[in-house]
Amino acid sequence: MKRLKARIALARLHVGWWWHCRQWTKKSRRLQELMDARDNRFSEMTVKLERLQAIVDNIDQLRKDEGNTILIPCDNPDWDGPACFVEVTSNWTGWQPRRFTGDTLSEAIANAISQQALR
């Protein structure tokens, strides 16, 4: 009888350990999924911040000389042409406002910078 009780106790211990390990594995998997999701979101935010920094650097390049101005109005997606534009007034535009268009703000600013480089 003592042997039977010992075997039952050992079986309960084994089942309890197995159940505990299984629960820990489930929690571990979920934790890993959450950490992967966090890492993916962090990577996406890093890419967005790099794009934003590039836009700011390009704007600074357009307005670095004294007296230069750059006008960035809101997008107009209803218009048939490009949705974005910037107007630059500088010595390389003859101090006259000159409009540069693009489908995105980045593209419009890039068009202005490429024209500035040609002058």
PDB file of N, CA and C in Angstrom:
ATOM      1  N   MET A   1       0.804  -1.183   0.000  1.00  0.00           N
ATOM      2  CA  MET A   1       0.000   0.000   0.000  1.00  0.00           C
ATOM      3  C   MET A   1       0.865   1.273   0.000  1.00  0.00           C
ATOM      4  N   LYS A   2       1.966   1.224   0.767  1.00  0.00           N
ATOM      5  CA  LYS A   2       2.853   2.371   0.811  1.00  0.00           C
ATOM      6  C   LYS A   2       3.482   2.626  -0.557  1.00  0.00           C
ATOM      7  N   ARG A   3       3.814   1.537  -1.260  1.00  0.00           N
ATOM      8  CA  ARG A   3       4.402   1.690  -2.599  1.00  0.00           C
ATOM      9  C   ARG A   3       3.397   2.336  -3.551  1.00  0.00           C
ATOM     10  N   LEU A   4       2.155   1.926  -3.459  1.00  0.00           N
ATOM     11  CA  LEU A   4       1.122   2.488  -4.323  1.00  0.00           C
ATOM     12  C   LEU A   4       0.949   3.980  -4.044  1.00  0.00           C
ATOM     13  N   LYS A   5       0.901   4.363  -2.780  1.00  0.00           N
ATOM     14  CA  LYS A   5       0.780   5.774  -2.423  1.00  0.00           C
ATOM     15  C   LYS A   5       1.992   6.572  -2.915  1.00  0.00           C
ATOM     16  N   ALA A   6       3.156   5.949  -2.816  1.00  0.00           N
ATOM     17  CA  ALA A   6       4.367   6.629  -3.292  1.00  0.00           C
ATOM     18  C   ALA A   6       4.329   6.821  -4.803  1.00  0.00           C
ATOM     19  N   ARG A   7       3.857   5.797  -5.507  1.00  0.00           N
ATOM     20  CA  ARG A   7       3.747   5.929  -6.977  1.00  0.00           C
ATOM     21  C   ARG A   7       2.701   6.981  -7.363  1.00  0.00           C
ATOM     22  N   ILE A   8       1.594   7.022  -6.671  1.00  0.00           N
ATOM     23  CA  ILE A   8       0.552   8.031  -6.946  1.00  0.00           C
ATOM     24  C   ILE A   8       1.110   9.430  -6.680  1.00  0.00           C
ATOM     25  N   ALA A   9       1.821   9.580  -5.574  1.00  0.00           N
ATOM     26  CA  ALA A   9       2.417  10.883  -5.254  1.00  0.00           C
ATOM     27  C   ALA A   9       3.432  11.283  -6.313  1.00  0.00           C
ATOM     28  N   LEU A  10       4.232  10.324  -6.753  1.00  0.00           N
ATOM     29  CA  LEU A  10       5.222  10.606  -7.793  1.00  0.00           C
ATOM     30  C   LEU A  10       4.538  10.966  -9.111  1.00  0.00           C
ATOM     31  N   ALA A  11       3.451  10.276  -9.446  1.00  0.00           N
ATOM     32  CA  ALA A  11       2.711  10.580 -10.679  1.00  0.00           C
ATOM     33  C   ALA A  11       2.110  11.980 -10.607  1.00  0.00           C
ATOM     34  N   ARG A  12       1.555  12.322  -9.426  1.00  0.00           N
ATOM     35  CA  ARG A  12       0.993  13.670  -9.266  1.00  0.00           C
ATOM     36  C   ARG A  12       2.092  14.732  -9.411  1.00  0.00           C
ATOM     37  N   LEU A  13       3.219  14.463  -8.839  1.00  0.00           N
ATOM     38  CA  LEU A  13       4.334  15.391  -8.948  1.00  0.00           C
ATOM     39  C   LEU A  13       4.763  15.551 -10.395  1.00  0.00           C
ATOM     40  N   HIS A  14       4.836  14.435 -11.120  1.00  0.00           N
ATOM     41  CA  HIS A  14       5.224  14.479 -12.526  1.00  0.00           C
ATOM     42  C   HIS A  14       4.198  15.252 -13.351  1.00  0.00           C
ATOM     43  N   VAL A  15       2.907  14.970 -13.141  1.00  0.00           N
ATOM     44  CA  VAL A  15       1.854  15.689 -13.879  1.00  0.00           C
ATOM     45  C   VAL A  15       1.883  17.167 -13.530  1.00  0.00           C
ATOM     46  N   GLY A  16       2.063  17.479 -12.258  1.00  0.00           N
ATOM     47  CA  GLY A  16       2.136  18.888 -11.851  1.00  0.00           C
ATOM     48  C   GLY A  16       3.319  19.594 -12.498  1.00  0.00           C
ATOM     49  N   TRP A  17       4.457  18.932 -12.542  1.00  0.00           N
ATOM     50  CA  TRP A  17       5.638  19.522 -13.185  1.00  0.00           C
ATOM     51  C   TRP A  17       5.417  19.711 -14.673  1.00  0.00           C
ATOM     52  N   TRP A  18       4.816  18.709 -15.316  1.00  0.00           N
ATOM     53  CA  TRP A  18       4.534  18.793 -16.749  1.00  0.00           C
ATOM     54  C   TRP A  18       3.587  19.952 -17.032  1.00  0.00           C
ATOM     55  N   TRP A  19       2.523  20.093 -16.192  1.00  0.00           N
ATOM     56  CA  TRP A  19       1.558  21.173 -16.383  1.00  0.00           C
ATOM     57  C   TRP A  19       2.242  22.526 -16.190  1.00  0.00           C
ATOM     58  N   HIS A  20       3.076  22.624 -15.177  1.00  0.00           N
ATOM     59  CA  HIS A  20       3.794  23.878 -14.906  1.00  0.00           C
ATOM     60  C   HIS A  20       4.710  24.248 -16.088  1.00  0.00           C
ATOM     61  N   CYS A  21       5.446  23.272 -16.614  1.00  0.00           N
ATOM     62  CA  CYS A  21       6.333  23.536 -17.753  1.00  0.00           C
ATOM     63  C   CYS A  21       5.544  23.961 -18.979  1.00  0.00           C
ATOM     64  N   ARG A  22       4.408  23.318 -19.174  1.00  0.00           N
ATOM     65  CA  ARG A  22       3.580  23.658 -20.344  1.00  0.00           C
ATOM     66  C   ARG A  22       3.063  25.087 -20.230  1.00  0.00           C
ATOM     67  N   GLN A  23       2.595  25.486 -19.049  1.00  0.00           N
ATOM     68  CA  GLN A  23       2.102  26.849 -18.855  1.00  0.00           C
ATOM     69  C   GLN A  23       3.227  27.865 -19.048  1.00  0.00           C
ATOM     70  N   TRP A  24       4.401  27.543 -18.534  1.00  0.00           N
ATOM     71  CA  TRP A  24       5.540  28.453 -18.681  1.00  0.00           C
ATOM     72  C   TRP A  24       5.901  28.608 -20.152  1.00  0.00           C
ATOM     73  N   THR A  25       5.842  27.508 -20.926  1.00  0.00           N
ATOM     74  CA  THR A  25       6.150  27.563 -22.349  1.00  0.00           C
ATOM     75  C   THR A  25       5.148  28.442 -23.081  1.00  0.00           C
ATOM     76  N   LYS A  26       3.862  28.331 -22.734  1.00  0.00           N
ATOM     77  CA  LYS A  26       2.842  29.185 -23.351  1.00  0.00           C
ATOM     78  C   LYS A  26       3.121  30.654 -23.042  1.00  0.00           C
ATOM     79  N   LYS A  27       3.434  30.941 -21.773  1.00  0.00           N
ATOM     80  CA  LYS A  27       3.732  32.323 -21.388  1.00  0.00           C
ATOM     81  C   LYS A  27       4.995  32.813 -22.077  1.00  0.00           C
ATOM     82  N   SER A  28       5.962  31.936 -22.195  1.00  0.00           N
ATOM     83  CA  SER A  28       7.213  32.300 -22.840  1.00  0.00           C
ATOM     84  C   SER A  28       6.984  32.633 -24.315  1.00  0.00           C
ATOM     85  N   ARG A  29       6.169  31.818 -24.984  1.00  0.00           N
ATOM     86  CA  ARG A  29       5.854  32.103 -26.393  1.00  0.00           C
ATOM     87  C   ARG A  29       5.148  33.431 -26.539  1.00  0.00           C
ATOM     88  N   ARG A  30       4.169  33.697 -25.675  1.00  0.00           N
ATOM     89  CA  ARG A  30       3.424  34.954 -25.738  1.00  0.00           C
ATOM     90  C   ARG A  30       4.357  36.138 -25.475  1.00  0.00           C
ATOM     91  N   LEU A  31       5.246  35.976 -24.509  1.00  0.00           N
ATOM     92  CA  LEU A  31       6.207  37.032 -24.219  1.00  0.00           C
ATOM     93  C   LEU A  31       7.103  37.293 -25.423  1.00  0.00           C
ATOM     94  N   GLN A  32       7.532  36.238 -26.085  1.00  0.00           N
ATOM     95  CA  GLN A  32       8.373  36.394 -27.276  1.00  0.00           C
ATOM     96  C   GLN A  32       7.603  37.085 -28.393  1.00  0.00           C
ATOM     97  N   GLU A  33       6.313  36.734 -28.566  1.00  0.00           N
ATOM     98  CA  GLU A  33       5.484  37.404 -29.579  1.00  0.00           C
ATOM     99  C   GLU A  33       5.366  38.888 -29.277  1.00  0.00           C
ATOM    100  N   LEU A  34       5.151  39.233 -28.012  1.00  0.00           N
ATOM    101  CA  LEU A  34       5.045  40.640 -27.635  1.00  0.00           C
ATOM    102  C   LEU A  34       6.356  41.381 -27.860  1.00  0.00           C
ATOM    103  N   MET A  35       7.470  40.738 -27.532  1.00  0.00           N
ATOM    104  CA  MET A  35       8.769  41.373 -27.746  1.00  0.00           C
ATOM    105  C   MET A  35       9.048  41.560 -29.231  1.00  0.00           C
ATOM    106  N   ASP A  36       8.675  40.588 -30.067  1.00  0.00           N
ATOM    107  CA  ASP A  36       8.849  40.728 -31.519  1.00  0.00           C
ATOM    108  C   ASP A  36       7.996  41.861 -32.064  1.00  0.00           C
ATOM    109  N   ALA A  37       6.744  41.954 -31.584  1.00  0.00           N
ATOM    110  CA  ALA A  37       5.865  43.038 -32.028  1.00  0.00           C
ATOM    111  C   ALA A  37       6.442  44.390 -31.632  1.00  0.00           C
ATOM    112  N   ARG A  38       6.992  44.470 -30.415  1.00  0.00           N
ATOM    113  CA  ARG A  38       7.615  45.720 -29.964  1.00  0.00           C
ATOM    114  C   ARG A  38       8.807  46.080 -30.842  1.00  0.00           C
ATOM    115  N   ASP A  39       9.630  45.085 -31.164  1.00  0.00           N
ATOM    116  CA  ASP A  39      10.799  45.340 -32.004  1.00  0.00           C
ATOM    117  C   ASP A  39      10.394  45.796 -33.400  1.00  0.00           C
ATOM    118  N   ASN A  40       9.349  45.184 -33.967  1.00  0.00           N
ATOM    119  CA  ASN A  40       8.864  45.591 -35.291  1.00  0.00           C
ATOM    120  C   ASN A  40       8.349  47.023 -35.254  1.00  0.00           C
ATOM    121  N   ARG A  41       7.604  47.353 -34.217  1.00  0.00           N
ATOM    122  CA  ARG A  41       7.074  48.711 -34.101  1.00  0.00           C
ATOM    123  C   ARG A  41       8.214  49.715 -33.932  1.00  0.00           C
ATOM    124  N   PHE A  42       9.220  49.352 -33.155  1.00  0.00           N
ATOM    125  CA  PHE A  42      10.370  50.228 -32.970  1.00  0.00           C
ATOM    126  C   PHE A  42      11.096  50.449 -34.291  1.00  0.00           C
ATOM    127  N   SER A  43      11.244  49.396 -35.094  1.00  0.00           N
ATOM    128  CA  SER A  43      11.897  49.524 -36.401  1.00  0.00           C
ATOM    129  C   SER A  43      11.103  50.444 -37.316  1.00  0.00           C
ATOM    130  N   GLU A  44       9.768  50.293 -37.315  1.00  0.00           N
ATOM    131  CA  GLU A  44       8.928  51.170 -38.142  1.00  0.00           C
ATOM    132  C   GLU A  44       9.058  52.614 -37.703  1.00  0.00           C
ATOM    133  N   MET A  45       9.079  52.855 -36.393  1.00  0.00           N
ATOM    134  CA  MET A  45       9.206  54.221 -35.898  1.00  0.00           C
ATOM    135  C   MET A  45      10.573  54.799 -36.252  1.00  0.00           C
ATOM    136  N   THR A  46      11.608  53.990 -36.218  1.00  0.00           N
ATOM    137  CA  THR A  46      12.941  54.454 -36.579  1.00  0.00           C
ATOM    138  C   THR A  46      12.987  54.885 -38.036  1.00  0.00           C
ATOM    139  N   VAL A  47      12.362  54.094 -38.922  1.00  0.00           N
ATOM    140  CA  VAL A  47      12.324  54.442 -40.345  1.00  0.00           C
ATOM    141  C   VAL A  47      11.568  55.750 -40.543  1.00  0.00           C
ATOM    142  N   LYS A  48      10.435  55.910 -39.858  1.00  0.00           N
ATOM    143  CA  LYS A  48       9.660  57.148 -39.982  1.00  0.00           C
ATOM    144  C   LYS A  48      10.457  58.349 -39.483  1.00  0.00           C
ATOM    145  N   LEU A  49      11.167  58.176 -38.381  1.00  0.00           N
ATOM    146  CA  LEU A  49      11.978  59.281 -37.854  1.00  0.00           C
ATOM    147  C   LEU A  49      13.124  59.638 -38.798  1.00  0.00           C
ATOM    148  N   GLU A  50      13.717  58.639 -39.443  1.00  0.00           N
ATOM    149  CA  GLU A  50      14.778  58.920 -40.409  1.00  0.00           C
ATOM    150  C   GLU A  50      14.231  59.693 -41.608  1.00  0.00           C
ATOM    151  N   ARG A  51      13.046  59.310 -42.081  1.00  0.00           N
ATOM    152  CA  ARG A  51      12.422  60.051 -43.190  1.00  0.00           C
ATOM    153  C   ARG A  51      12.120  61.486 -42.786  1.00  0.00           C
ATOM    154  N   LEU A  52      11.584  61.653 -41.585  1.00  0.00           N
ATOM    155  CA  LEU A  52      11.281  62.990 -41.088  1.00  0.00           C
ATOM    156  C   LEU A  52      12.547  63.829 -40.971  1.00  0.00           C
ATOM    157  N   GLN A  53      13.612  63.237 -40.480  1.00  0.00           N
ATOM    158  CA  GLN A  53      14.882  63.964 -40.355  1.00  0.00           C
ATOM    159  C   GLN A  53      15.410  64.374 -41.727  1.00  0.00           C
ATOM    160  N   ALA A  54      15.241  63.513 -42.728  1.00  0.00           N
ATOM    161  CA  ALA A  54      15.683  63.859 -44.084  1.00  0.00           C
ATOM    162  C   ALA A  54      14.890  65.049 -44.619  1.00  0.00           C
ATOM    163  N   ILE A  55      13.589  65.086 -44.363  1.00  0.00           N
ATOM    164  CA  ILE A  55      12.762  66.208 -44.812  1.00  0.00           C
ATOM    165  C   ILE A  55      13.217  67.501 -44.134  1.00  0.00           C
ATOM    166  N   VAL A  56      13.434  67.436 -42.830  1.00  0.00           N
ATOM    167  CA  VAL A  56      13.871  68.629 -42.098  1.00  0.00           C
ATOM    168  C   VAL A  56      15.233  69.100 -42.597  1.00  0.00           C
ATOM    169  N   ASP A  57      16.137  68.173 -42.849  1.00  0.00           N
ATOM    170  CA  ASP A  57      17.459  68.550 -43.383  1.00  0.00           C
ATOM    171  C   ASP A  57      17.332  69.224 -44.745  1.00  0.00           C
ATOM    172  N   ASN A  58      16.446  68.723 -45.598  1.00  0.00           N
ATOM    173  CA  ASN A  58      16.243  69.336 -46.913  1.00  0.00           C
ATOM    174  C   ASN A  58      15.636  70.724 -46.796  1.00  0.00           C
ATOM    175  N   ILE A  59      14.703  70.898 -45.876  1.00  0.00           N
ATOM    176  CA  ILE A  59      14.123  72.233 -45.665  1.00  0.00           C
ATOM    177  C   ILE A  59      15.205  73.191 -45.170  1.00  0.00           C
ATOM    178  N   ASP A  60      16.028  72.728 -44.245  1.00  0.00           N
ATOM    179  CA  ASP A  60      17.126  73.579 -43.754  1.00  0.00           C
ATOM    180  C   ASP A  60      18.088  73.948 -44.873  1.00  0.00           C
ATOM    181  N   GLN A  61      18.332  73.016 -45.783  1.00  0.00           N
ATOM    182  CA  GLN A  61      19.229  73.313 -46.910  1.00  0.00           C
ATOM    183  C   GLN A  61      18.628  74.392 -47.810  1.00  0.00           C
ATOM    184  N   LEU A  62      17.315  74.364 -48.020  1.00  0.00           N
ATOM    185  CA  LEU A  62      16.671  75.371 -48.870  1.00  0.00           C
ATOM    186  C   LEU A  62      16.676  76.755 -48.228  1.00  0.00           C
ATOM    187  N   ARG A  63      16.622  76.829 -46.922  1.00  0.00           N
ATOM    188  CA  ARG A  63      16.523  78.130 -46.273  1.00  0.00           C
ATOM    189  C   ARG A  63      17.787  78.541 -45.522  1.00  0.00           C
ATOM    190  N   LYS A  64      18.912  77.888 -45.825  1.00  0.00           N
ATOM    191  CA  LYS A  64      20.141  78.156 -45.065  1.00  0.00           C
ATOM    192  C   LYS A  64      20.711  79.549 -45.310  1.00  0.00           C
ATOM    193  N   ASP A  65      20.549  80.108 -46.514  1.00  0.00           N
ATOM    194  CA  ASP A  65      21.080  81.448 -46.780  1.00  0.00           C
ATOM    195  C   ASP A  65      20.148  82.508 -46.215  1.00  0.00           C
ATOM    196  N   GLU A  66      20.721  83.642 -45.878  1.00  0.00           N
ATOM    197  CA  GLU A  66      19.942  84.724 -45.286  1.00  0.00           C
ATOM    198  C   GLU A  66      18.872  85.226 -46.256  1.00  0.00           C
ATOM    199  N   GLY A  67      17.661  85.372 -45.754  1.00  0.00           N
ATOM    200  CA  GLY A  67      16.565  85.903 -46.549  1.00  0.00           C
ATOM    201  C   GLY A  67      15.772  84.843 -47.305  1.00  0.00           C
ATOM    202  N   ASN A  68      16.250  83.637 -47.365  1.00  0.00           N
ATOM    203  CA  ASN A  68      15.509  82.582 -48.070  1.00  0.00           C
ATOM    204  C   ASN A  68      14.248  82.217 -47.297  1.00  0.00           C
ATOM    205  N   THR A  69      13.174  82.004 -48.038  1.00  0.00           N
ATOM    206  CA  THR A  69      11.931  81.557 -47.412  1.00  0.00           C
ATOM    207  C   THR A  69      11.402  80.349 -48.165  1.00  0.00           C
ATOM    208  N   ILE A  70      10.667  79.529 -47.445  1.00  0.00           N
ATOM    209  CA  ILE A  70      10.028  78.375 -48.063  1.00  0.00           C
ATOM    210  C   ILE A  70       8.616  78.296 -47.511  1.00  0.00           C
ATOM    211  N   LEU A  71       7.650  78.193 -48.404  1.00  0.00           N
ATOM    212  CA  LEU A  71       6.242  78.110 -48.045  1.00  0.00           C
ATOM    213  C   LEU A  71       5.778  76.680 -48.297  1.00  0.00           C
ATOM    214  N   ILE A  72       5.192  76.071 -47.271  1.00  0.00           N
ATOM    215  CA  ILE A  72       4.696  74.694 -47.396  1.00  0.00           C
ATOM    216  C   ILE A  72       3.205  74.696 -47.036  1.00  0.00           C
ATOM    217  N   PRO A  73       2.326  74.837 -48.029  1.00  0.00           N
ATOM    218  CA  PRO A  73       0.880  74.801 -47.737  1.00  0.00           C
ATOM    219  C   PRO A  73       0.399  73.362 -47.555  1.00  0.00           C
ATOM    220  N   CYS A  74      -0.842  73.215 -47.145  1.00  0.00           N
ATOM    221  CA  CYS A  74      -1.401  71.872 -46.953  1.00  0.00           C
ATOM    222  C   CYS A  74      -1.589  71.178 -48.303  1.00  0.00           C
ATOM    223  N   ASP A  75      -1.678  69.849 -48.256  1.00  0.00           N
ATOM    224  CA  ASP A  75      -1.859  69.056 -49.478  1.00  0.00           C
ATOM    225  C   ASP A  75      -3.236  69.315 -50.083  1.00  0.00           C
ATOM    226  N   ASN A  76      -3.342  69.088 -51.396  1.00  0.00           N
ATOM    227  CA  ASN A  76      -4.616  69.230 -52.094  1.00  0.00           C
ATOM    228  C   ASN A  76      -4.863  67.968 -52.919  1.00  0.00           C
ATOM    229  N   PRO A  77      -5.365  66.900 -52.292  1.00  0.00           N
ATOM    230  CA  PRO A  77      -5.543  65.643 -53.016  1.00  0.00           C
ATOM    231  C   PRO A  77      -6.661  65.686 -54.049  1.00  0.00           C
ATOM    232  N   ASP A  78      -7.565  66.675 -53.962  1.00  0.00           N
ATOM    233  CA  ASP A  78      -8.679  66.756 -54.911  1.00  0.00           C
ATOM    234  C   ASP A  78      -8.269  67.325 -56.254  1.00  0.00           C
ATOM    235  N   TRP A  79      -7.144  68.001 -56.302  1.00  0.00           N
ATOM    236  CA  TRP A  79      -6.674  68.617 -57.536  1.00  0.00           C
ATOM    237  C   TRP A  79      -6.139  67.531 -58.455  1.00  0.00           C
ATOM    238  N   ASP A  80      -6.264  67.707 -59.776  1.00  0.00           N
ATOM    239  CA  ASP A  80      -5.838  66.687 -60.729  1.00  0.00           C
ATOM    240  C   ASP A  80      -4.317  66.577 -60.848  1.00  0.00           C
ATOM    241  N   GLY A  81      -3.608  67.617 -60.512  1.00  0.00           N
ATOM    242  CA  GLY A  81      -2.148  67.601 -60.625  1.00  0.00           C
ATOM    243  C   GLY A  81      -1.506  67.012 -59.381  1.00  0.00           C
ATOM    244  N   PRO A  82      -0.218  67.298 -59.192  1.00  0.00           N
ATOM    245  CA  PRO A  82       0.463  66.821 -57.985  1.00  0.00           C
ATOM    246  C   PRO A  82      -0.210  67.360 -56.714  1.00  0.00           C
ATOM    247  N   ALA A  83      -0.247  66.564 -55.682  1.00  0.00           N
ATOM    248  CA  ALA A  83      -0.979  66.922 -54.467  1.00  0.00           C
ATOM    249  C   ALA A  83      -0.231  67.930 -53.594  1.00  0.00           C
ATOM    250  N   CYS A  84       1.089  68.009 -53.717  1.00  0.00           N
ATOM    251  CA  CYS A  84       1.886  68.870 -52.839  1.00  0.00           C
ATOM    252  C   CYS A  84       2.709  69.861 -53.652  1.00  0.00           C
ATOM    253  N   PHE A  85       2.995  70.990 -53.004  1.00  0.00           N
ATOM    254  CA  PHE A  85       3.954  71.917 -53.609  1.00  0.00           C
ATOM    255  C   PHE A  85       4.604  72.735 -52.507  1.00  0.00           C
ATOM    256  N   VAL A  86       5.753  73.284 -52.844  1.00  0.00           N
ATOM    257  CA  VAL A  86       6.445  74.230 -51.981  1.00  0.00           C
ATOM    258  C   VAL A  86       6.790  75.440 -52.839  1.00  0.00           C
ATOM    259  N   GLU A  87       6.782  76.595 -52.211  1.00  0.00           N
ATOM    260  CA  GLU A  87       7.214  77.821 -52.900  1.00  0.00           C
ATOM    261  C   GLU A  87       8.478  78.314 -52.215  1.00  0.00           C
ATOM    262  N   VAL A  88       9.498  78.528 -53.023  1.00  0.00           N
ATOM    263  CA  VAL A  88      10.788  78.971 -52.506  1.00  0.00           C
ATOM    264  C   VAL A  88      11.073  80.369 -53.044  1.00  0.00           C
ATOM    265  N   THR A  89      11.498  81.255 -52.154  1.00  0.00           N
ATOM    266  CA  THR A  89      11.958  82.588 -52.536  1.00  0.00           C
ATOM    267  C   THR A  89      13.401  82.700 -52.062  1.00  0.00           C
ATOM    268  N   SER A  90      14.307  82.914 -53.018  1.00  0.00           N
ATOM    269  CA  SER A  90      15.725  82.938 -52.686  1.00  0.00           C
ATOM    270  C   SER A  90      16.470  83.730 -53.749  1.00  0.00           C
ATOM    271  N   ASN A  91      17.778  83.906 -53.515  1.00  0.00           N
ATOM    272  CA  ASN A  91      18.561  84.598 -54.535  1.00  0.00           C
ATOM    273  C   ASN A  91      18.662  83.769 -55.806  1.00  0.00           C
ATOM    274  N   TRP A  92      18.617  82.447 -55.721  1.00  0.00           N
ATOM    275  CA  TRP A  92      18.699  81.613 -56.926  1.00  0.00           C
ATOM    276  C   TRP A  92      17.377  81.561 -57.684  1.00  0.00           C
ATOM    277  N   THR A  93      16.285  82.092 -57.076  1.00  0.00           N
ATOM    278  CA  THR A  93      15.017  82.217 -57.812  1.00  0.00           C
ATOM    279  C   THR A  93      14.797  83.663 -58.245  1.00  0.00           C
ATOM    280  N   GLY A  94      15.807  84.495 -58.065  1.00  0.00           N
ATOM    281  CA  GLY A  94      15.675  85.911 -58.418  1.00  0.00           C
ATOM    282  C   GLY A  94      14.760  86.644 -57.455  1.00  0.00           C
ATOM    283  N   TRP A  95      14.666  86.162 -56.232  1.00  0.00           N
ATOM    284  CA  TRP A  95      13.813  86.717 -55.191  1.00  0.00           C
ATOM    285  C   TRP A  95      12.345  86.751 -55.585  1.00  0.00           C
ATOM    286  N   GLN A  96      11.980  85.894 -56.502  1.00  0.00           N
ATOM    287  CA  GLN A  96      10.579  85.716 -56.890  1.00  0.00           C
ATOM    288  C   GLN A  96      10.118  84.339 -56.392  1.00  0.00           C
ATOM    289  N   PRO A  97       8.919  84.247 -55.864  1.00  0.00           N
ATOM    290  CA  PRO A  97       8.447  82.932 -55.413  1.00  0.00           C
ATOM    291  C   PRO A  97       8.387  81.944 -56.582  1.00  0.00           C
ATOM    292  N   ARG A  98       8.965  80.792 -56.389  1.00  0.00           N
ATOM    293  CA  ARG A  98       8.957  79.767 -57.436  1.00  0.00           C
ATOM    294  C   ARG A  98       8.375  78.492 -56.852  1.00  0.00           C
ATOM    295  N   ARG A  99       7.418  77.906 -57.561  1.00  0.00           N
ATOM    296  CA  ARG A  99       6.686  76.740 -57.070  1.00  0.00           C
ATOM    297  C   ARG A  99       7.297  75.450 -57.598  1.00  0.00           C
ATOM    298  N   PHE A 100       7.448  74.468 -56.691  1.00  0.00           N
ATOM    299  CA  PHE A 100       7.935  73.136 -57.040  1.00  0.00           C
ATOM    300  C   PHE A 100       6.912  72.120 -56.549  1.00  0.00           C
ATOM    301  N   THR A 101       6.498  71.227 -57.434  1.00  0.00           N
ATOM    302  CA  THR A 101       5.427  70.290 -57.113  1.00  0.00           C
ATOM    303  C   THR A 101       5.945  68.863 -56.981  1.00  0.00           C
ATOM    304  N   GLY A 102       5.094  68.035 -56.407  1.00  0.00           N
ATOM    305  CA  GLY A 102       5.393  66.611 -56.264  1.00  0.00           C
ATOM    306  C   GLY A 102       4.189  65.892 -55.682  1.00  0.00           C
ATOM    307  N   ASP A 103       4.174  64.591 -55.802  1.00  0.00           N
ATOM    308  CA  ASP A 103       3.068  63.813 -55.251  1.00  0.00           C
ATOM    309  C   ASP A 103       3.121  63.759 -53.729  1.00  0.00           C
ATOM    310  N   THR A 104       4.316  63.936 -53.161  1.00  0.00           N
ATOM    311  CA  THR A 104       4.487  63.989 -51.709  1.00  0.00           C
ATOM    312  C   THR A 104       5.303  65.231 -51.370  1.00  0.00           C
ATOM    313  N   LEU A 105       5.284  65.586 -50.106  1.00  0.00           N
ATOM    314  CA  LEU A 105       6.079  66.739 -49.666  1.00  0.00           C
ATOM    315  C   LEU A 105       7.562  66.477 -49.904  1.00  0.00           C
ATOM    316  N   SER A 106       8.000  65.269 -49.639  1.00  0.00           N
ATOM    317  CA  SER A 106       9.414  64.924 -49.856  1.00  0.00           C
ATOM    318  C   SER A 106       9.803  65.118 -51.317  1.00  0.00           C
ATOM    319  N   GLU A 107       8.919  64.706 -52.210  1.00  0.00           N
ATOM    320  CA  GLU A 107       9.206  64.831 -53.646  1.00  0.00           C
ATOM    321  C   GLU A 107       9.254  66.295 -54.072  1.00  0.00           C
ATOM    322  N   ALA A 108       8.335  67.112 -53.562  1.00  0.00           N
ATOM    323  CA  ALA A 108       8.327  68.538 -53.905  1.00  0.00           C
ATOM    324  C   ALA A 108       9.598  69.227 -53.410  1.00  0.00           C
ATOM    325  N   ILE A 109      10.015  68.909 -52.199  1.00  0.00           N
ATOM    326  CA  ILE A 109      11.236  69.501 -51.653  1.00  0.00           C
ATOM    327  C   ILE A 109      12.457  69.016 -52.435  1.00  0.00           C
ATOM    328  N   ALA A 110      12.457  67.742 -52.806  1.00  0.00           N
ATOM    329  CA  ALA A 110      13.575  67.207 -53.598  1.00  0.00           C
ATOM    330  C   ALA A 110      13.662  67.906 -54.954  1.00  0.00           C
ATOM    331  N   ASN A 111      12.525  68.197 -55.568  1.00  0.00           N
ATOM    332  CA  ASN A 111      12.531  68.930 -56.841  1.00  0.00           C
ATOM    333  C   ASN A 111      13.120  70.327 -56.659  1.00  0.00           C
ATOM    334  N   ALA A 112      12.785  70.982 -55.559  1.00  0.00           N
ATOM    335  CA  ALA A 112      13.337  72.313 -55.302  1.00  0.00           C
ATOM    336  C   ALA A 112      14.847  72.237 -55.081  1.00  0.00           C
ATOM    337  N   ILE A 113      15.297  71.239 -54.353  1.00  0.00           N
ATOM    338  CA  ILE A 113      16.733  71.103 -54.089  1.00  0.00           C
ATOM    339  C   ILE A 113      17.495  70.793 -55.370  1.00  0.00           C
ATOM    340  N   SER A 114      16.903  69.971 -56.244  1.00  0.00           N
ATOM    341  CA  SER A 114      17.603  69.656 -57.491  1.00  0.00           C
ATOM    342  C   SER A 114      17.721  70.906 -58.367  1.00  0.00           C
ATOM    343  N   GLN A 115      16.712  71.766 -58.365  1.00  0.00           N
ATOM    344  CA  GLN A 115      16.803  73.017 -59.125  1.00  0.00           C
ATOM    345  C   GLN A 115      17.812  73.975 -58.491  1.00  0.00           C
ATOM    346  N   GLN A 116      17.878  73.959 -57.164  1.00  0.00           N
ATOM    347  CA  GLN A 116      18.860  74.802 -56.477  1.00  0.00           C
ATOM    348  C   GLN A 116      20.279  74.347 -56.831  1.00  0.00           C
ATOM    349  N   ALA A 117      20.487  73.058 -56.939  1.00  0.00           N
ATOM    350  CA  ALA A 117      21.813  72.535 -57.259  1.00  0.00           C
ATOM    351  C   ALA A 117      22.234  72.898 -58.682  1.00  0.00           C
ATOM    352  N   LEU A 118      21.257  73.041 -59.585  1.00  0.00           N
ATOM    353  CA  LEU A 118      21.570  73.396 -60.983  1.00  0.00           C
ATOM    354  C   LEU A 118      21.978  74.855 -61.114  1.00  0.00           C
ATOM    355  N   ARG A 119      21.618  75.686 -60.196  1.00  0.00           N
ATOM    356  CA  ARG A 119      21.895  77.142 -60.300  1.00  0.00           C
ATOM    357  C   ARG A 119      23.250  77.485 -59.781  1.00  0.00           C
TER     358      ARG A 119
END
